[in-house]
Amino acid sequence: MTPPAYHEFGNQAKDIFNKHYRKDFHLKLCFNGKHSNKGLKCNQVISFNNLGLVKLDVKTKTPSGLAFNVSGSSNNETNKVLANVEANYTHDRYGLTMKEKWDCDNNLSAEISHRDKLIKGLTLGGRNSVTLDTKAHKGSIFVKCQGDLINLASDVEFTPSGTMVNGSAVIGAKEFLFGSQVSYDPSQKKLVKTNFSIGYNTIDYAVHGSLNEKNDFNGSIYHKVNESLESAVSVGWSADNASTKLALGCVYKLDNTSSLRAKINNNSNLSLGLSHKLRPGILVTMSSMFDLKNLHGGGHKIGLGIELNAT
């Protein structure tokens, strides 16, 4: 089994603390249709929230593998509109993937990658972006290598301010994981970032610890108690200001259609969430956050999420 990438360390615990918690109203509509004459598939996502933001995502894909994603958002408070168009083409026979993106700020980016054809698990690629108004360029070349016991990734960034070399490696030995992430600045001839992580993963347990820049420690423990209950603990400590973070969270499946979530941190913030599948394709999520140190002073938050997905 291929070890996870470095940024995926502790994902089981992250899902306990982040998934299905909403601080705003969110309405998501998904529609998948197929036109018999052209064979096009279409997804539409419309989001509304009470912070004055409206979002729209439209996705189409042709039988040949060319996919388009048009997305936009409008902030009703600032009247600022953001939009972008993205094209993605994958040629499985030659292992090629090509992406191109253009946004309303006149930023144009392109990426091409080649995977699994030279050596199984090897990905080679490059990215380039340009701001058409200022003609400012930046780009990178990257390589990824995945095997049964190792996951390697490296890229070289080229920006107007200089060049940066980034790399990460994760080694798996049965249930144990060892990883490191570094960044090297050739102009200064020194490492500017050094991170280390260690993990232990099984079906029911996942333990993760990381040390960033020799100053910040973060760790998490995930435990699947049974088929209905999952729990997690997250801790953090910074040597710069001696600050400590602690959070406890759990997810309980009431049945096949409903789940209850709860989490609390050392700042006395208690969050609760309830997800219920009304029927296939309709999911309702309700959540709230209470400041236990100031119950009568306000500042509490509630949220509601509705997802409609007709496939």
Protein backbone atom coordinates (compact mmCIF):
# COMPACT_ATOMS: atom_id res chain seq x y z
CA MET A 1 0.00 0.00 0.00
CA THR A 2 1.38 3.41 -1.02
CA PRO A 3 2.11 5.72 1.93
CA PRO A 4 0.16 9.01 1.95
CA ALA A 5 1.66 12.28 0.77
CA TYR A 6 3.24 14.47 3.45
CA HIS A 7 0.29 16.90 3.63
CA GLU A 8 -2.09 13.96 4.21
CA PHE A 9 -0.67 13.07 7.62
CA GLY A 10 -3.45 13.03 10.23
CA ASN A 11 -6.32 13.26 7.72
CA GLN A 12 -8.55 10.94 9.79
CA ALA A 13 -8.46 13.32 12.76
CA LYS A 14 -8.81 16.40 10.53
CA ASP A 15 -12.10 15.04 9.17
CA ILE A 16 -13.46 14.70 12.71
CA PHE A 17 -12.81 18.38 13.44
CA ASN A 18 -13.59 19.95 10.07
CA LYS A 19 -16.12 17.92 8.10
CA HIS A 20 -19.77 19.06 8.10
CA TYR A 21 -19.26 22.05 10.39
CA ARG A 22 -20.73 25.18 8.83
CA LYS A 23 -20.71 28.76 10.08
CA ASP A 24 -23.06 30.07 7.40
CA PHE A 25 -26.02 29.11 5.29
CA HIS A 26 -24.99 27.06 2.31
CA LEU A 27 -27.27 25.74 -0.41
CA LYS A 28 -25.65 23.38 -2.85
CA LEU A 29 -27.46 22.15 -5.94
CA CYS A 30 -25.90 19.42 -8.09
CA PHE A 31 -27.39 18.28 -11.35
CA ASN A 32 -25.97 15.55 -13.54
CA GLY A 33 -27.61 15.16 -16.93
CA LYS A 34 -26.76 13.51 -20.18
CA HIS A 35 -27.73 14.82 -23.62
CA SER A 36 -28.21 11.89 -25.95
CA ASN A 37 -27.10 13.78 -29.05
CA LYS A 38 -23.73 15.00 -27.69
CA GLY A 39 -23.09 12.82 -24.68
CA LEU A 40 -22.32 15.79 -22.43
CA LYS A 41 -22.43 15.55 -18.66
CA CYS A 42 -23.15 18.68 -16.66
CA ASN A 43 -22.78 19.53 -12.97
CA GLN A 44 -24.08 22.80 -11.52
CA VAL A 45 -23.33 24.04 -8.01
CA ILE A 46 -25.00 27.16 -6.61
CA SER A 47 -24.05 28.43 -3.15
CA PHE A 48 -25.63 31.14 -1.03
CA ASN A 49 -24.50 32.23 2.43
CA ASN A 50 -25.55 34.92 4.86
CA LEU A 51 -22.18 36.66 4.62
CA GLY A 52 -23.27 38.21 1.31
CA LEU A 53 -21.51 35.82 -1.04
CA VAL A 54 -23.04 34.09 -4.06
CA LYS A 55 -21.16 31.33 -5.89
CA LEU A 56 -21.77 29.47 -9.10
CA ASP A 57 -19.88 26.46 -10.48
CA VAL A 58 -20.69 24.84 -13.81
CA LYS A 59 -18.86 21.72 -14.99
CA THR A 60 -19.12 19.94 -18.32
CA LYS A 61 -17.25 16.96 -19.71
CA THR A 62 -17.15 15.55 -23.22
CA PRO A 63 -16.86 11.85 -24.12
CA SER A 64 -13.30 12.51 -25.35
CA GLY A 65 -12.23 13.48 -21.81
CA LEU A 66 -12.14 17.29 -22.17
CA ALA A 67 -13.63 18.88 -19.03
CA PHE A 68 -14.58 22.52 -18.48
CA ASN A 69 -15.22 24.20 -15.14
CA VAL A 70 -16.65 27.72 -15.07
CA SER A 71 -16.98 29.21 -11.60
CA GLY A 72 -17.76 32.64 -10.23
CA SER A 73 -18.57 34.44 -7.00
CA SER A 74 -20.03 37.83 -6.16
CA ASN A 75 -19.67 39.61 -2.82
CA ASN A 76 -22.79 41.70 -2.24
CA GLU A 77 -21.03 43.84 0.38
CA THR A 78 -18.02 44.85 -1.73
CA ASN A 79 -19.62 44.27 -5.18
CA LYS A 80 -16.45 42.42 -6.15
CA VAL A 81 -16.88 39.64 -8.69
CA LEU A 82 -14.43 36.77 -9.07
CA ALA A 83 -14.64 34.26 -11.90
CA ASN A 84 -12.47 31.75 -13.70
CA VAL A 85 -12.60 29.28 -16.56
CA GLU A 86 -10.67 26.01 -16.32
CA ALA A 87 -10.11 23.35 -18.96
CA ASN A 88 -8.80 19.87 -18.14
CA TYR A 89 -7.89 17.17 -20.64
CA THR A 90 -6.67 13.66 -19.75
CA HIS A 91 -5.30 11.21 -22.33
CA ASP A 92 -5.13 7.86 -20.53
CA ARG A 93 -3.35 6.08 -23.36
CA TYR A 94 -0.30 8.35 -23.16
CA GLY A 95 -0.68 9.23 -19.47
CA LEU A 96 -0.99 12.95 -20.20
CA THR A 97 -3.00 15.50 -18.25
CA MET A 98 -3.26 19.11 -19.40
CA LYS A 99 -4.90 21.95 -17.46
CA GLU A 100 -5.45 25.60 -18.27
CA LYS A 101 -7.09 28.28 -16.13
CA TRP A 102 -7.99 31.92 -16.73
CA ASP A 103 -9.58 34.26 -14.18
CA CYS A 104 -11.12 37.73 -14.29
CA ASP A 105 -7.94 39.25 -12.81
CA ASN A 106 -6.22 38.29 -16.07
CA ASN A 107 -4.17 35.51 -14.51
CA LEU A 108 -3.52 32.72 -17.00
CA SER A 109 -2.02 29.41 -15.84
CA ALA A 110 -1.24 26.13 -17.55
CA GLU A 111 -0.07 22.72 -16.32
CA ILE A 112 0.97 19.54 -18.08
CA SER A 113 1.91 16.24 -16.44
CA HIS A 114 2.84 12.74 -17.52
CA ARG A 115 2.14 9.75 -15.28
CA ASP A 116 2.89 6.02 -15.06
CA LYS A 117 4.15 5.53 -18.62
CA LEU A 118 7.91 5.86 -18.16
CA ILE A 119 7.94 4.15 -14.75
CA LYS A 120 4.86 3.04 -12.83
CA GLY A 121 4.17 5.55 -10.04
CA LEU A 122 6.31 8.30 -11.61
CA THR A 123 4.72 11.66 -12.46
CA LEU A 124 6.57 14.44 -14.28
CA GLY A 125 5.13 17.84 -14.99
CA GLY A 126 5.38 21.58 -15.13
CA ARG A 127 3.28 24.65 -14.37
CA ASN A 128 3.42 28.21 -15.61
CA SER A 129 1.32 31.26 -14.84
CA VAL A 130 1.34 34.82 -16.10
CA THR A 131 -0.51 37.99 -15.14
CA LEU A 132 -1.45 39.45 -18.51
CA ASP A 133 -1.69 43.02 -17.20
CA THR A 134 1.82 43.15 -15.73
CA LYS A 135 3.43 40.34 -17.75
CA ALA A 136 4.72 38.85 -14.48
CA HIS A 137 5.62 35.18 -14.87
CA LYS A 138 6.12 32.37 -12.39
CA GLY A 139 6.42 28.66 -12.97
CA SER A 140 7.58 25.36 -11.58
CA ILE A 141 8.59 21.88 -12.58
CA PHE A 142 7.66 18.93 -10.38
CA VAL A 143 8.21 15.22 -10.00
CA LYS A 144 6.34 12.66 -7.88
CA CYS A 145 7.24 9.05 -7.26
CA GLN A 146 4.95 6.62 -5.46
CA GLY A 147 5.70 3.03 -4.52
CA ASP A 148 4.66 0.40 -2.01
CA LEU A 149 6.97 1.77 0.69
CA ILE A 150 7.70 5.37 -0.28
CA ASN A 151 6.03 8.56 -1.51
CA LEU A 152 8.36 11.25 -2.85
CA ALA A 153 7.54 14.71 -4.22
CA SER A 154 9.74 17.58 -5.33
CA ASP A 155 9.29 20.82 -7.25
CA VAL A 156 11.37 23.81 -8.26
CA GLU A 157 9.61 27.17 -8.22
CA PHE A 158 10.73 30.05 -10.44
CA THR A 159 9.42 33.47 -9.40
CA PRO A 160 10.58 37.08 -10.01
CA SER A 161 11.96 37.13 -6.46
CA GLY A 162 14.06 34.00 -6.93
CA THR A 163 14.11 30.23 -7.09
CA MET A 164 12.91 27.82 -4.41
CA VAL A 165 13.40 24.05 -4.25
CA ASN A 166 10.81 22.09 -2.26
CA GLY A 167 10.78 18.41 -1.43
CA SER A 168 8.98 15.88 0.73
CA ALA A 169 9.38 12.19 1.46
CA VAL A 170 7.22 9.70 3.33
CA ILE A 171 8.42 6.18 4.12
CA GLY A 172 6.07 3.46 5.26
CA ALA A 173 7.18 0.46 7.33
CA LYS A 174 4.12 -1.69 8.00
CA GLU A 175 1.85 0.56 10.12
CA PHE A 176 4.55 3.18 10.80
CA LEU A 177 5.06 6.32 8.71
CA PHE A 178 8.07 8.65 8.69
CA GLY A 179 8.06 11.89 6.72
CA SER A 180 10.05 15.05 6.11
CA GLN A 181 9.43 18.26 4.19
CA VAL A 182 12.12 20.81 3.30
CA SER A 183 12.55 24.00 1.27
CA TYR A 184 15.94 25.17 -0.01
CA ASP A 185 16.75 28.69 -1.18
CA PRO A 186 19.67 28.55 -3.67
CA SER A 187 20.31 32.31 -3.41
CA GLN A 188 20.88 32.04 0.34
CA LYS A 189 22.36 28.54 0.07
CA LYS A 190 20.42 27.29 3.06
CA LEU A 191 17.29 25.45 4.11
CA VAL A 192 14.46 27.88 4.86
CA LYS A 193 11.94 25.27 6.02
CA THR A 194 12.40 21.92 7.72
CA ASN A 195 9.46 19.85 8.97
CA PHE A 196 9.29 16.31 10.31
CA SER A 197 6.34 13.99 10.90
CA ILE A 198 5.79 10.51 12.27
CA GLY A 199 2.63 8.45 12.20
CA TYR A 200 1.08 5.12 13.07
CA ASN A 201 -1.91 3.97 11.04
CA THR A 202 -4.19 0.96 11.39
CA ILE A 203 -7.82 0.41 10.49
CA ASP A 204 -9.03 1.57 13.91
CA TYR A 205 -6.19 3.84 15.08
CA ALA A 206 -4.14 6.68 13.64
CA VAL A 207 -1.50 8.61 15.60
CA HIS A 208 0.33 11.57 14.08
CA GLY A 209 2.97 13.98 15.34
CA SER A 210 4.86 16.74 13.53
CA LEU A 211 7.59 19.25 14.31
CA ASN A 212 7.65 22.40 12.19
CA GLU A 213 10.64 24.70 12.09
CA LYS A 214 11.81 23.25 15.43
CA ASN A 215 9.25 25.54 17.11
CA ASP A 216 5.75 24.21 16.55
CA PHE A 217 4.58 20.77 17.59
CA ASN A 218 1.27 19.33 16.41
CA GLY A 219 -0.21 15.94 17.09
CA SER A 220 -3.44 14.01 16.78
CA ILE A 221 -4.93 10.67 17.79
CA TYR A 222 -7.81 9.07 15.91
CA HIS A 223 -9.74 6.07 17.21
CA LYS A 224 -12.60 4.21 15.57
CA VAL A 225 -14.35 2.87 18.64
CA ASN A 226 -16.91 0.86 16.69
CA GLU A 227 -18.94 1.09 13.49
CA SER A 228 -21.00 3.92 14.96
CA LEU A 229 -18.50 6.00 16.96
CA GLU A 230 -15.26 7.74 15.94
CA SER A 231 -13.21 10.02 18.18
CA ALA A 232 -10.11 12.21 17.91
CA VAL A 233 -7.77 14.36 20.00
CA SER A 234 -5.70 17.20 18.57
CA VAL A 235 -2.89 19.01 20.39
CA GLY A 236 -0.50 21.82 19.48
CA TRP A 237 2.29 23.74 21.18
CA SER A 238 4.42 26.66 20.01
CA ALA A 239 7.82 27.41 21.47
CA ASP A 240 7.69 31.04 20.31
CA ASN A 241 4.91 32.10 22.67
CA ALA A 242 4.39 28.92 24.74
CA SER A 243 0.79 28.75 23.54
CA THR A 244 -1.03 25.43 23.78
CA LYS A 245 -3.96 24.11 21.76
CA LEU A 246 -6.13 21.17 22.70
CA ALA A 247 -9.31 19.88 21.07
CA LEU A 248 -11.54 16.83 21.52
CA GLY A 249 -14.00 15.66 18.90
CA CYS A 250 -16.25 12.74 18.01
CA VAL A 251 -18.73 11.56 15.39
CA TYR A 252 -21.62 9.25 16.23
CA LYS A 253 -23.71 7.56 13.55
CA LEU A 254 -27.29 7.45 14.72
CA ASP A 255 -28.27 5.26 11.77
CA ASN A 256 -27.51 4.95 8.06
CA THR A 257 -28.97 8.38 7.37
CA SER A 258 -27.99 10.52 10.37
CA SER A 259 -24.81 11.41 12.23
CA LEU A 260 -24.07 13.65 15.22
CA ARG A 261 -20.82 15.57 15.68
CA ALA A 262 -19.32 17.38 18.65
CA LYS A 263 -16.01 19.08 19.40
CA ILE A 264 -14.60 21.32 22.13
CA ASN A 265 -11.26 23.13 22.48
CA ASN A 266 -9.28 24.69 25.30
CA ASN A 267 -10.76 28.10 24.48
CA SER A 268 -14.12 26.73 25.70
CA ASN A 269 -15.65 26.77 22.22
CA LEU A 270 -18.20 23.98 21.89
CA SER A 271 -19.43 23.00 18.42
CA LEU A 272 -22.26 20.63 17.57
CA GLY A 273 -23.37 19.33 14.20
CA LEU A 274 -26.15 17.11 12.89
CA SER A 275 -26.28 15.64 9.37
CA HIS A 276 -29.33 13.87 8.03
CA LYS A 277 -29.93 12.33 4.63
CA LEU A 278 -33.58 12.97 3.87
CA ARG A 279 -33.40 10.70 0.83
CA PRO A 280 -30.71 9.71 -1.68
CA GLY A 281 -29.26 12.94 -3.03
CA ILE A 282 -30.64 15.24 -0.29
CA LEU A 283 -28.42 15.95 2.73
CA VAL A 284 -29.24 18.50 5.44
CA THR A 285 -26.54 19.71 7.86
CA MET A 286 -27.16 21.86 10.95
CA SER A 287 -24.37 23.12 13.20
CA SER A 288 -23.71 25.56 16.02
CA MET A 289 -20.80 26.97 18.00
CA PHE A 290 -21.11 28.22 21.60
CA ASP A 291 -18.61 30.26 23.60
CA LEU A 292 -18.90 28.59 27.01
CA LYS A 293 -16.93 31.38 28.68
CA ASN A 294 -19.49 33.95 27.61
CA LEU A 295 -22.82 32.17 27.32
CA HIS A 296 -24.87 35.31 28.02
CA GLY A 297 -22.74 37.70 25.99
CA GLY A 298 -23.61 36.48 22.51
CA GLY A 299 -21.13 35.73 19.77
CA HIS A 300 -22.51 32.24 19.23
CA LYS A 301 -22.83 30.96 15.66
CA ILE A 302 -25.29 28.69 13.90
CA GLY A 303 -25.25 27.21 10.43
CA LEU A 304 -27.41 25.31 7.99
CA GLY A 305 -26.38 23.32 4.95
CA ILE A 306 -28.51 21.74 2.23
CA GLU A 307 -27.07 19.56 -0.53
CA LEU A 308 -29.21 18.38 -3.42
CA ASN A 309 -27.58 15.90 -5.76
CA ALA A 310 -29.63 14.29 -8.53
CA THR A 311 -27.60 11.68 -10.42
